[in-house]
Full PDB file with SEQRES, HELIX, SHEET, SSBOND, CRYST1, ORIGX, SCALE, CONECT and MASTER records, all heavy atoms in Angstrom:
SEQRES   1 A   40  ASP GLN GLY ALA THR GLY VAL TYR VAL THR PHE LEU GLU          
SEQRES   2 A   40  GLU LEU ALA GLY PHE GLY PRO GLU VAL VAL SER MET VAL          
SEQRES   3 A   40  ALA GLY VAL ASP SER ASP ALA ASP ALA THR ARG THR PHE          
SEQRES   4 A   40  ARG                                                          
HELIX    1 AA1 GLU A   13  GLY A   17  5                                   5    
SHEET    1 AA1 2 VAL A  29  SER A  31  0                                        
SHEET    2 AA1 2 ASP A  34  ARG A  37 -1                                        
CRYST1    1.000    1.000    1.000  90.00  90.00  90.00 P 1           1          
ORIGX1      1.000000  0.000000  0.000000        0.00000                         
ORIGX2      0.000000  1.000000  0.000000        0.00000                         
ORIGX3      0.000000  0.000000  1.000000        0.00000                         
SCALE1      1.000000  0.000000  0.000000        0.00000                         
SCALE2      0.000000  1.000000  0.000000        0.00000                         
SCALE3      0.000000  0.000000  1.000000        0.00000                         
ATOM      1  N   ASP A   1      16.478   2.966  -9.013  1.00  0.00           N  
ATOM      2  CA  ASP A   1      17.667   3.070  -9.868  1.00  0.00           C  
ATOM      3  C   ASP A   1      18.762   2.103  -9.411  1.00  0.00           C  
ATOM      4  O   ASP A   1      19.503   1.553 -10.240  1.00  0.00           O  
ATOM      5  CB  ASP A   1      18.208   4.505  -9.867  1.00  0.00           C  
ATOM      6  CG  ASP A   1      17.302   5.469 -10.632  1.00  0.00           C  
ATOM      7  OD1 ASP A   1      16.432   4.975 -11.378  1.00  0.00           O  
ATOM      8  OD2 ASP A   1      17.458   6.688 -10.469  1.00  0.00           O  
ATOM      9  N   GLN A   2      18.874   1.914  -8.097  1.00  0.00           N  
ATOM     10  CA  GLN A   2      19.891   1.010  -7.563  1.00  0.00           C  
ATOM     11  C   GLN A   2      19.457  -0.451  -7.649  1.00  0.00           C  
ATOM     12  O   GLN A   2      20.277  -1.353  -7.442  1.00  0.00           O  
ATOM     13  CB  GLN A   2      20.183   1.363  -6.098  1.00  0.00           C  
ATOM     14  CG  GLN A   2      20.882   2.692  -5.902  1.00  0.00           C  
ATOM     15  CD  GLN A   2      22.321   2.681  -6.411  1.00  0.00           C  
ATOM     16  OE1 GLN A   2      22.913   1.614  -6.595  1.00  0.00           O  
ATOM     17  NE2 GLN A   2      22.876   3.845  -6.671  1.00  0.00           N  
ATOM     18  N   GLY A   3      18.172  -0.696  -7.933  1.00  0.00           N  
ATOM     19  CA  GLY A   3      17.685  -2.069  -8.022  1.00  0.00           C  
ATOM     20  C   GLY A   3      17.389  -2.705  -6.677  1.00  0.00           C  
ATOM     21  O   GLY A   3      17.237  -3.932  -6.593  1.00  0.00           O  
ATOM     22  N   ALA A   4      17.309  -1.890  -5.621  1.00  0.00           N  
ATOM     23  CA  ALA A   4      17.047  -2.427  -4.282  1.00  0.00           C  
ATOM     24  C   ALA A   4      15.591  -2.875  -4.163  1.00  0.00           C  
ATOM     25  O   ALA A   4      14.714  -2.422  -4.908  1.00  0.00           O  
ATOM     26  CB  ALA A   4      17.357  -1.377  -3.225  1.00  0.00           C  
ATOM     27  N   THR A   5      15.328  -3.769  -3.218  1.00  0.00           N  
ATOM     28  CA  THR A   5      13.974  -4.209  -2.942  1.00  0.00           C  
ATOM     29  C   THR A   5      13.589  -3.756  -1.536  1.00  0.00           C  
ATOM     30  O   THR A   5      14.455  -3.447  -0.713  1.00  0.00           O  
ATOM     31  CB  THR A   5      13.843  -5.743  -3.025  1.00  0.00           C  
ATOM     32  OG1 THR A   5      14.752  -6.336  -2.085  1.00  0.00           O  
ATOM     33  CG2 THR A   5      14.172  -6.241  -4.408  1.00  0.00           C  
ATOM     34  N   GLY A   6      12.275  -3.720  -1.278  1.00  0.00           N  
ATOM     35  CA  GLY A   6      11.875  -3.334   0.076  1.00  0.00           C  
ATOM     36  C   GLY A   6      10.414  -2.967   0.170  1.00  0.00           C  
ATOM     37  O   GLY A   6       9.602  -3.249  -0.718  1.00  0.00           O  
ATOM     38  N   VAL A   7      10.086  -2.318   1.289  1.00  0.00           N  
ATOM     39  CA  VAL A   7       8.719  -1.929   1.590  1.00  0.00           C  
ATOM     40  C   VAL A   7       8.737  -0.523   2.177  1.00  0.00           C  
ATOM     41  O   VAL A   7       9.654  -0.157   2.919  1.00  0.00           O  
ATOM     42  CB  VAL A   7       8.068  -2.941   2.566  1.00  0.00           C  
ATOM     43  CG1 VAL A   7       8.850  -3.039   3.869  1.00  0.00           C  
ATOM     44  CG2 VAL A   7       6.615  -2.572   2.849  1.00  0.00           C  
ATOM     45  N   TYR A   8       7.710   0.267   1.826  1.00  0.00           N  
ATOM     46  CA  TYR A   8       7.610   1.653   2.284  1.00  0.00           C  
ATOM     47  C   TYR A   8       6.196   1.847   2.820  1.00  0.00           C  
ATOM     48  O   TYR A   8       5.232   1.889   2.058  1.00  0.00           O  
ATOM     49  CB  TYR A   8       7.891   2.587   1.104  1.00  0.00           C  
ATOM     50  CG  TYR A   8       8.057   4.060   1.431  1.00  0.00           C  
ATOM     51  CD1 TYR A   8       8.573   4.938   0.482  1.00  0.00           C  
ATOM     52  CD2 TYR A   8       7.690   4.598   2.665  1.00  0.00           C  
ATOM     53  CE1 TYR A   8       8.738   6.293   0.743  1.00  0.00           C  
ATOM     54  CE2 TYR A   8       7.853   5.942   2.942  1.00  0.00           C  
ATOM     55  CZ  TYR A   8       8.375   6.785   1.974  1.00  0.00           C  
ATOM     56  OH  TYR A   8       8.534   8.138   2.241  1.00  0.00           O  
ATOM     57  N   VAL A   9       6.050   1.938   4.128  1.00  0.00           N  
ATOM     58  CA  VAL A   9       4.766   2.241   4.759  1.00  0.00           C  
ATOM     59  C   VAL A   9       4.630   3.758   4.822  1.00  0.00           C  
ATOM     60  O   VAL A   9       5.497   4.444   5.376  1.00  0.00           O  
ATOM     61  CB  VAL A   9       4.689   1.631   6.173  1.00  0.00           C  
ATOM     62  CG1 VAL A   9       3.443   2.134   6.908  1.00  0.00           C  
ATOM     63  CG2 VAL A   9       4.694   0.118   6.093  1.00  0.00           C  
ATOM     64  N   THR A  10       3.525   4.284   4.268  1.00  0.00           N  
ATOM     65  CA  THR A  10       3.400   5.741   4.166  1.00  0.00           C  
ATOM     66  C   THR A  10       1.927   6.144   4.091  1.00  0.00           C  
ATOM     67  O   THR A  10       1.059   5.339   3.746  1.00  0.00           O  
ATOM     68  CB  THR A  10       4.140   6.253   2.925  1.00  0.00           C  
ATOM     69  OG1 THR A  10       4.018   7.677   2.838  1.00  0.00           O  
ATOM     70  CG2 THR A  10       3.597   5.624   1.646  1.00  0.00           C  
ATOM     71  N   PHE A  11       1.677   7.388   4.425  1.00  0.00           N  
ATOM     72  CA  PHE A  11       0.349   7.952   4.221  1.00  0.00           C  
ATOM     73  C   PHE A  11       0.265   8.651   2.866  1.00  0.00           C  
ATOM     74  O   PHE A  11      -0.762   9.216   2.514  1.00  0.00           O  
ATOM     75  CB  PHE A  11       0.018   8.952   5.339  1.00  0.00           C  
ATOM     76  CG  PHE A  11       0.967  10.108   5.415  1.00  0.00           C  
ATOM     77  CD1 PHE A  11       0.734  11.284   4.719  1.00  0.00           C  
ATOM     78  CD2 PHE A  11       2.128  10.019   6.189  1.00  0.00           C  
ATOM     79  CE1 PHE A  11       1.615  12.352   4.796  1.00  0.00           C  
ATOM     80  CE2 PHE A  11       3.012  11.090   6.264  1.00  0.00           C  
ATOM     81  CZ  PHE A  11       2.759  12.253   5.565  1.00  0.00           C  
ATOM     82  N   LEU A  12       1.345   8.613   2.095  1.00  0.00           N  
ATOM     83  CA  LEU A  12       1.425   9.302   0.809  1.00  0.00           C  
ATOM     84  C   LEU A  12       0.988   8.363  -0.307  1.00  0.00           C  
ATOM     85  O   LEU A  12       1.774   7.593  -0.852  1.00  0.00           O  
ATOM     86  CB  LEU A  12       2.855   9.783   0.562  1.00  0.00           C  
ATOM     87  CG  LEU A  12       3.474  10.639   1.686  1.00  0.00           C  
ATOM     88  CD1 LEU A  12       4.952  10.859   1.441  1.00  0.00           C  
ATOM     89  CD2 LEU A  12       2.736  11.964   1.804  1.00  0.00           C  
ATOM     90  N   GLU A  13      -0.281   8.422  -0.664  1.00  0.00           N  
ATOM     91  CA  GLU A  13      -0.810   7.507  -1.665  1.00  0.00           C  
ATOM     92  C   GLU A  13      -0.230   7.770  -3.046  1.00  0.00           C  
ATOM     93  O   GLU A  13      -0.212   6.874  -3.901  1.00  0.00           O  
ATOM     94  CB  GLU A  13      -2.332   7.607  -1.704  1.00  0.00           C  
ATOM     95  CG  GLU A  13      -2.995   7.168  -0.404  1.00  0.00           C  
ATOM     96  CD  GLU A  13      -4.514   7.155  -0.494  1.00  0.00           C  
ATOM     97  OE1 GLU A  13      -5.038   7.632  -1.530  1.00  0.00           O  
ATOM     98  OE2 GLU A  13      -5.163   6.667   0.443  1.00  0.00           O  
ATOM     99  N   GLU A  14       0.292   8.975  -3.264  1.00  0.00           N  
ATOM    100  CA  GLU A  14       0.873   9.291  -4.564  1.00  0.00           C  
ATOM    101  C   GLU A  14       2.056   8.381  -4.909  1.00  0.00           C  
ATOM    102  O   GLU A  14       2.301   8.071  -6.075  1.00  0.00           O  
ATOM    103  CB  GLU A  14       1.354  10.756  -4.602  1.00  0.00           C  
ATOM    104  CG  GLU A  14       0.242  11.774  -4.475  1.00  0.00           C  
ATOM    105  CD  GLU A  14      -0.081  12.150  -3.029  1.00  0.00           C  
ATOM    106  OE1 GLU A  14       0.230  11.331  -2.134  1.00  0.00           O  
ATOM    107  OE2 GLU A  14      -0.622  13.240  -2.813  1.00  0.00           O  
ATOM    108  N   LEU A  15       2.779   7.907  -3.867  1.00  0.00           N  
ATOM    109  CA  LEU A  15       3.960   7.076  -4.110  1.00  0.00           C  
ATOM    110  C   LEU A  15       3.582   5.686  -4.603  1.00  0.00           C  
ATOM    111  O   LEU A  15       4.410   4.995  -5.205  1.00  0.00           O  
ATOM    112  CB  LEU A  15       4.791   6.966  -2.835  1.00  0.00           C  
ATOM    113  CG  LEU A  15       5.331   8.284  -2.256  1.00  0.00           C  
ATOM    114  CD1 LEU A  15       6.147   8.021  -1.006  1.00  0.00           C  
ATOM    115  CD2 LEU A  15       6.167   9.018  -3.302  1.00  0.00           C  
ATOM    116  N   ALA A  16       2.335   5.269  -4.358  1.00  0.00           N  
ATOM    117  CA  ALA A  16       1.918   3.930  -4.773  1.00  0.00           C  
ATOM    118  C   ALA A  16       1.778   3.811  -6.282  1.00  0.00           C  
ATOM    119  O   ALA A  16       1.771   2.707  -6.817  1.00  0.00           O  
ATOM    120  CB  ALA A  16       0.595   3.567  -4.100  1.00  0.00           C  
ATOM    121  N   GLY A  17       1.669   4.939  -6.978  1.00  0.00           N  
ATOM    122  CA  GLY A  17       1.545   4.914  -8.433  1.00  0.00           C  
ATOM    123  C   GLY A  17       2.797   5.383  -9.123  1.00  0.00           C  
ATOM    124  O   GLY A  17       2.728   5.930 -10.232  1.00  0.00           O  
ATOM    125  N   PHE A  18       3.940   5.174  -8.517  1.00  0.00           N  
ATOM    126  CA  PHE A  18       5.195   5.728  -9.026  1.00  0.00           C  
ATOM    127  C   PHE A  18       5.600   5.114 -10.356  1.00  0.00           C  
ATOM    128  O   PHE A  18       6.213   5.774 -11.195  1.00  0.00           O  
ATOM    129  CB  PHE A  18       6.305   5.509  -7.996  1.00  0.00           C  
ATOM    130  CG  PHE A  18       7.501   6.389  -8.193  1.00  0.00           C  
ATOM    131  CD1 PHE A  18       7.525   7.681  -7.694  1.00  0.00           C  
ATOM    132  CD2 PHE A  18       8.597   5.935  -8.903  1.00  0.00           C  
ATOM    133  CE1 PHE A  18       8.624   8.492  -7.879  1.00  0.00           C  
ATOM    134  CE2 PHE A  18       9.708   6.734  -9.101  1.00  0.00           C  
ATOM    135  CZ  PHE A  18       9.719   8.019  -8.580  1.00  0.00           C  
ATOM    136  N   GLY A  19       5.329   3.837 -10.572  1.00  0.00           N  
ATOM    137  CA  GLY A  19       5.732   3.189 -11.813  1.00  0.00           C  
ATOM    138  C   GLY A  19       5.598   1.684 -11.705  1.00  0.00           C  
ATOM    139  O   GLY A  19       5.165   1.147 -10.673  1.00  0.00           O  
ATOM    140  N   PRO A  20       5.968   0.960 -12.757  1.00  0.00           N  
ATOM    141  CA  PRO A  20       5.823  -0.508 -12.753  1.00  0.00           C  
ATOM    142  C   PRO A  20       6.697  -1.194 -11.711  1.00  0.00           C  
ATOM    143  O   PRO A  20       6.443  -2.358 -11.373  1.00  0.00           O  
ATOM    144  CB  PRO A  20       6.235  -0.909 -14.170  1.00  0.00           C  
ATOM    145  CG  PRO A  20       7.103   0.215 -14.654  1.00  0.00           C  
ATOM    146  CD  PRO A  20       6.544   1.451 -14.022  1.00  0.00           C  
ATOM    147  N   GLU A  21       7.706  -0.495 -11.202  1.00  0.00           N  
ATOM    148  CA  GLU A  21       8.567  -1.096 -10.174  1.00  0.00           C  
ATOM    149  C   GLU A  21       7.930  -1.072  -8.794  1.00  0.00           C  
ATOM    150  O   GLU A  21       8.425  -1.703  -7.863  1.00  0.00           O  
ATOM    151  CB  GLU A  21       9.913  -0.361 -10.109  1.00  0.00           C  
ATOM    152  CG  GLU A  21      10.734  -0.420 -11.383  1.00  0.00           C  
ATOM    153  CD  GLU A  21      10.349   0.689 -12.357  1.00  0.00           C  
ATOM    154  OE1 GLU A  21       9.443   1.491 -12.025  1.00  0.00           O  
ATOM    155  OE2 GLU A  21      10.942   0.747 -13.443  1.00  0.00           O  
ATOM    156  N   VAL A  22       6.832  -0.330  -8.648  1.00  0.00           N  
ATOM    157  CA  VAL A  22       6.188  -0.149  -7.342  1.00  0.00           C  
ATOM    158  C   VAL A  22       4.869  -0.909  -7.305  1.00  0.00           C  
ATOM    159  O   VAL A  22       4.050  -0.814  -8.222  1.00  0.00           O  
ATOM    160  CB  VAL A  22       5.952   1.346  -7.043  1.00  0.00           C  
ATOM    161  CG1 VAL A  22       5.185   1.508  -5.733  1.00  0.00           C  
ATOM    162  CG2 VAL A  22       7.271   2.088  -6.974  1.00  0.00           C  
ATOM    163  N   VAL A  23       4.676  -1.672  -6.233  1.00  0.00           N  
ATOM    164  CA  VAL A  23       3.444  -2.420  -6.015  1.00  0.00           C  
ATOM    165  C   VAL A  23       2.673  -1.752  -4.882  1.00  0.00           C  
ATOM    166  O   VAL A  23       3.238  -1.472  -3.814  1.00  0.00           O  
ATOM    167  CB  VAL A  23       3.745  -3.886  -5.642  1.00  0.00           C  
ATOM    168  CG1 VAL A  23       2.470  -4.610  -5.222  1.00  0.00           C  
ATOM    169  CG2 VAL A  23       4.398  -4.607  -6.816  1.00  0.00           C  
ATOM    170  N   SER A  24       1.399  -1.509  -5.109  1.00  0.00           N  
ATOM    171  CA  SER A  24       0.555  -0.907  -4.072  1.00  0.00           C  
ATOM    172  C   SER A  24      -0.117  -2.004  -3.258  1.00  0.00           C  
ATOM    173  O   SER A  24      -0.708  -2.942  -3.806  1.00  0.00           O  
ATOM    174  CB  SER A  24      -0.515  -0.021  -4.707  1.00  0.00           C  
ATOM    175  OG  SER A  24      -1.451   0.414  -3.727  1.00  0.00           O  
ATOM    176  N   MET A  25      -0.009  -1.878  -1.941  1.00  0.00           N  
ATOM    177  CA  MET A  25      -0.732  -2.763  -1.031  1.00  0.00           C  
ATOM    178  C   MET A  25      -1.430  -1.898   0.010  1.00  0.00           C  
ATOM    179  O   MET A  25      -0.913  -0.834   0.398  1.00  0.00           O  
ATOM    180  CB  MET A  25       0.204  -3.772  -0.372  1.00  0.00           C  
ATOM    181  CG  MET A  25       0.860  -4.715  -1.364  1.00  0.00           C  
ATOM    182  SD  MET A  25       1.769  -6.105  -0.599  1.00  0.00           S  
ATOM    183  CE  MET A  25       0.399  -7.153  -0.080  1.00  0.00           C  
ATOM    184  N   VAL A  26      -2.586  -2.356   0.473  1.00  0.00           N  
ATOM    185  CA  VAL A  26      -3.435  -1.538   1.337  1.00  0.00           C  
ATOM    186  C   VAL A  26      -3.866  -2.349   2.552  1.00  0.00           C  
ATOM    187  O   VAL A  26      -4.228  -3.524   2.429  1.00  0.00           O  
ATOM    188  CB  VAL A  26      -4.687  -1.046   0.567  1.00  0.00           C  
ATOM    189  CG1 VAL A  26      -5.573  -0.187   1.474  1.00  0.00           C  
ATOM    190  CG2 VAL A  26      -4.281  -0.267  -0.685  1.00  0.00           C  
ATOM    191  N   ALA A  27      -3.803  -1.716   3.736  1.00  0.00           N  
ATOM    192  CA  ALA A  27      -4.319  -2.337   4.954  1.00  0.00           C  
ATOM    193  C   ALA A  27      -5.838  -2.403   4.851  1.00  0.00           C  
ATOM    194  O   ALA A  27      -6.510  -1.382   4.667  1.00  0.00           O  
ATOM    195  CB  ALA A  27      -3.889  -1.540   6.173  1.00  0.00           C  
ATOM    196  N   GLY A  28      -6.391  -3.612   4.950  1.00  0.00           N  
ATOM    197  CA  GLY A  28      -7.798  -3.816   4.652  1.00  0.00           C  
ATOM    198  C   GLY A  28      -8.731  -3.536   5.819  1.00  0.00           C  
ATOM    199  O   GLY A  28      -8.339  -3.528   6.985  1.00  0.00           O  
ATOM    200  N   VAL A  29      -9.993  -3.304   5.466  1.00  0.00           N  
ATOM    201  CA  VAL A  29     -11.092  -3.234   6.428  1.00  0.00           C  
ATOM    202  C   VAL A  29     -12.141  -4.246   5.985  1.00  0.00           C  
ATOM    203  O   VAL A  29     -12.114  -4.761   4.868  1.00  0.00           O  
ATOM    204  CB  VAL A  29     -11.705  -1.824   6.502  1.00  0.00           C  
ATOM    205  CG1 VAL A  29     -10.696  -0.839   7.064  1.00  0.00           C  
ATOM    206  CG2 VAL A  29     -12.177  -1.370   5.121  1.00  0.00           C  
ATOM    207  N   ASP A  30     -13.101  -4.569   6.880  1.00  0.00           N  
ATOM    208  CA  ASP A  30     -14.048  -5.645   6.593  1.00  0.00           C  
ATOM    209  C   ASP A  30     -14.881  -5.388   5.349  1.00  0.00           C  
ATOM    210  O   ASP A  30     -15.050  -6.269   4.509  1.00  0.00           O  
ATOM    211  CB  ASP A  30     -14.967  -5.869   7.792  1.00  0.00           C  
ATOM    212  CG  ASP A  30     -14.316  -6.792   8.818  1.00  0.00           C  
ATOM    213  OD1 ASP A  30     -13.346  -7.477   8.453  1.00  0.00           O  
ATOM    214  OD2 ASP A  30     -14.765  -6.812   9.970  1.00  0.00           O  
ATOM    215  N   SER A  31     -15.411  -4.163   5.210  1.00  0.00           N  
ATOM    216  CA  SER A  31     -16.252  -3.852   4.056  1.00  0.00           C  
ATOM    217  C   SER A  31     -16.411  -2.343   3.976  1.00  0.00           C  
ATOM    218  O   SER A  31     -15.990  -1.615   4.871  1.00  0.00           O  
ATOM    219  CB  SER A  31     -17.623  -4.521   4.194  1.00  0.00           C  
ATOM    220  OG  SER A  31     -18.344  -3.948   5.271  1.00  0.00           O  
ATOM    221  N   ASP A  32     -17.026  -1.897   2.903  1.00  0.00           N  
ATOM    222  CA  ASP A  32     -17.271  -0.465   2.777  1.00  0.00           C  
ATOM    223  C   ASP A  32     -18.177   0.048   3.887  1.00  0.00           C  
ATOM    224  O   ASP A  32     -18.126   1.216   4.264  1.00  0.00           O  
ATOM    225  CB  ASP A  32     -17.924  -0.157   1.417  1.00  0.00           C  
ATOM    226  CG  ASP A  32     -16.942  -0.365   0.270  1.00  0.00           C  
ATOM    227  OD1 ASP A  32     -15.724  -0.422   0.546  1.00  0.00           O  
ATOM    228  OD2 ASP A  32     -17.400  -0.474  -0.890  1.00  0.00           O  
ATOM    229  N   ALA A  33     -18.987  -0.835   4.440  1.00  0.00           N  
ATOM    230  CA  ALA A  33     -19.927  -0.408   5.475  1.00  0.00           C  
ATOM    231  C   ALA A  33     -19.369  -0.599   6.882  1.00  0.00           C  
ATOM    232  O   ALA A  33     -19.987  -0.180   7.840  1.00  0.00           O  
ATOM    233  CB  ALA A  33     -21.237  -1.179   5.338  1.00  0.00           C  
ATOM    234  N   ASP A  34     -18.197  -1.230   6.999  1.00  0.00           N  
ATOM    235  CA  ASP A  34     -17.646  -1.525   8.326  1.00  0.00           C  
ATOM    236  C   ASP A  34     -16.149  -1.273   8.293  1.00  0.00           C  
ATOM    237  O   ASP A  34     -15.427  -1.904   7.524  1.00  0.00           O  
ATOM    238  CB  ASP A  34     -17.934  -2.976   8.698  1.00  0.00           C  
ATOM    239  CG  ASP A  34     -17.499  -3.302  10.129  1.00  0.00           C  
ATOM    240  OD1 ASP A  34     -16.926  -2.408  10.783  1.00  0.00           O  
ATOM    241  OD2 ASP A  34     -17.746  -4.431  10.564  1.00  0.00           O  
ATOM    242  N   ALA A  35     -15.678  -0.329   9.112  1.00  0.00           N  
ATOM    243  CA  ALA A  35     -14.275   0.068   9.084  1.00  0.00           C  
ATOM    244  C   ALA A  35     -13.403  -0.766  10.012  1.00  0.00           C  
ATOM    245  O   ALA A  35     -12.290  -0.373  10.345  1.00  0.00           O  
ATOM    246  CB  ALA A  35     -14.154   1.542   9.472  1.00  0.00           C  
ATOM    247  N   THR A  36     -13.871  -1.944  10.458  1.00  0.00           N  
ATOM    248  CA  THR A  36     -13.068  -2.792  11.331  1.00  0.00           C  
ATOM    249  C   THR A  36     -11.836  -3.285  10.597  1.00  0.00           C  
ATOM    250  O   THR A  36     -11.929  -3.823   9.494  1.00  0.00           O  
ATOM    251  CB  THR A  36     -13.903  -3.994  11.820  1.00  0.00           C  
ATOM    252  OG1 THR A  36     -15.040  -3.506  12.522  1.00  0.00           O  
ATOM    253  CG2 THR A  36     -13.069  -4.878  12.743  1.00  0.00           C  
ATOM    254  N   ARG A  37     -10.665  -3.117  11.215  1.00  0.00           N  
ATOM    255  CA  ARG A  37      -9.419  -3.539  10.568  1.00  0.00           C  
ATOM    256  C   ARG A  37      -9.351  -5.061  10.504  1.00  0.00           C  
ATOM    257  O   ARG A  37      -9.689  -5.748  11.461  1.00  0.00           O  
ATOM    258  CB  ARG A  37      -8.202  -3.044  11.348  1.00  0.00           C  
ATOM    259  CG  ARG A  37      -7.794  -1.606  11.085  1.00  0.00           C  
ATOM    260  CD  ARG A  37      -8.741  -0.624  11.702  1.00  0.00           C  
ATOM    261  NE  ARG A  37      -8.123   0.704  11.795  1.00  0.00           N  
ATOM    262  CZ  ARG A  37      -8.783   1.795  12.099  1.00  0.00           C  
ATOM    263  NH1 ARG A  37     -10.090   1.723  12.351  1.00  0.00           N  
ATOM    264  NH2 ARG A  37      -8.161   2.947  12.183  1.00  0.00           N  
ATOM    265  N   THR A  38      -8.867  -5.556   9.381  1.00  0.00           N  
ATOM    266  CA  THR A  38      -8.649  -6.997   9.237  1.00  0.00           C  
ATOM    267  C   THR A  38      -7.189  -7.359   9.478  1.00  0.00           C  
ATOM    268  O   THR A  38      -6.874  -8.534   9.662  1.00  0.00           O  
ATOM    269  CB  THR A  38      -9.021  -7.457   7.822  1.00  0.00           C  
ATOM    270  OG1 THR A  38      -8.124  -6.858   6.870  1.00  0.00           O  
ATOM    271  CG2 THR A  38     -10.462  -7.070   7.484  1.00  0.00           C  
ATOM    272  N   PHE A  39      -6.299  -6.352   9.436  1.00  0.00           N  
ATOM    273  CA  PHE A  39      -4.856  -6.543   9.565  1.00  0.00           C  
ATOM    274  C   PHE A  39      -4.281  -7.381   8.417  1.00  0.00           C  
ATOM    275  O   PHE A  39      -3.145  -7.828   8.489  1.00  0.00           O  
ATOM    276  CB  PHE A  39      -4.482  -7.157  10.922  1.00  0.00           C  
ATOM    277  CG  PHE A  39      -5.001  -6.362  12.080  1.00  0.00           C  
ATOM    278  CD1 PHE A  39      -6.082  -6.809  12.812  1.00  0.00           C  
ATOM    279  CD2 PHE A  39      -4.427  -5.142  12.408  1.00  0.00           C  
ATOM    280  CE1 PHE A  39      -6.581  -6.058  13.877  1.00  0.00           C  
ATOM    281  CE2 PHE A  39      -4.914  -4.390  13.467  1.00  0.00           C  
ATOM    282  CZ  PHE A  39      -5.996  -4.850  14.202  1.00  0.00           C  
ATOM    283  N   ARG A  40      -5.093  -7.562   7.383  1.00  0.00           N  
ATOM    284  CA  ARG A  40      -4.612  -8.168   6.158  1.00  0.00           C  
ATOM    285  C   ARG A  40      -4.148  -7.061   5.223  1.00  0.00           C  
ATOM    286  O   ARG A  40      -4.839  -6.060   5.034  1.00  0.00           O  
ATOM    287  CB  ARG A  40      -5.726  -8.969   5.481  1.00  0.00           C  
ATOM    288  CG  ARG A  40      -6.185 -10.179   6.270  1.00  0.00           C  
ATOM    289  CD  ARG A  40      -5.283 -11.359   6.048  1.00  0.00           C  
ATOM    290  NE  ARG A  40      -5.265 -11.771   4.650  1.00  0.00           N  
ATOM    291  CZ  ARG A  40      -4.449 -12.697   4.160  1.00  0.00           C  
ATOM    292  NH1 ARG A  40      -3.569 -13.278   4.944  1.00  0.00           N  
ATOM    293  NH2 ARG A  40      -4.507 -13.029   2.885  1.00  0.00           N  
TER     294      ARG A  40                                                      
MASTER        0    0    0    1    2    0    0    6  293    1    0    4          
END                                                                             
């Protein structure tokens, strides 16, 4: 509502679908078969 910009790191996945003003980004892993973090 205030028009602020920023980033919110959370375990609450529900917030990622809040609306068109919210962009979802996810910490990646190598593949579905390998849970090694890529830090991307």
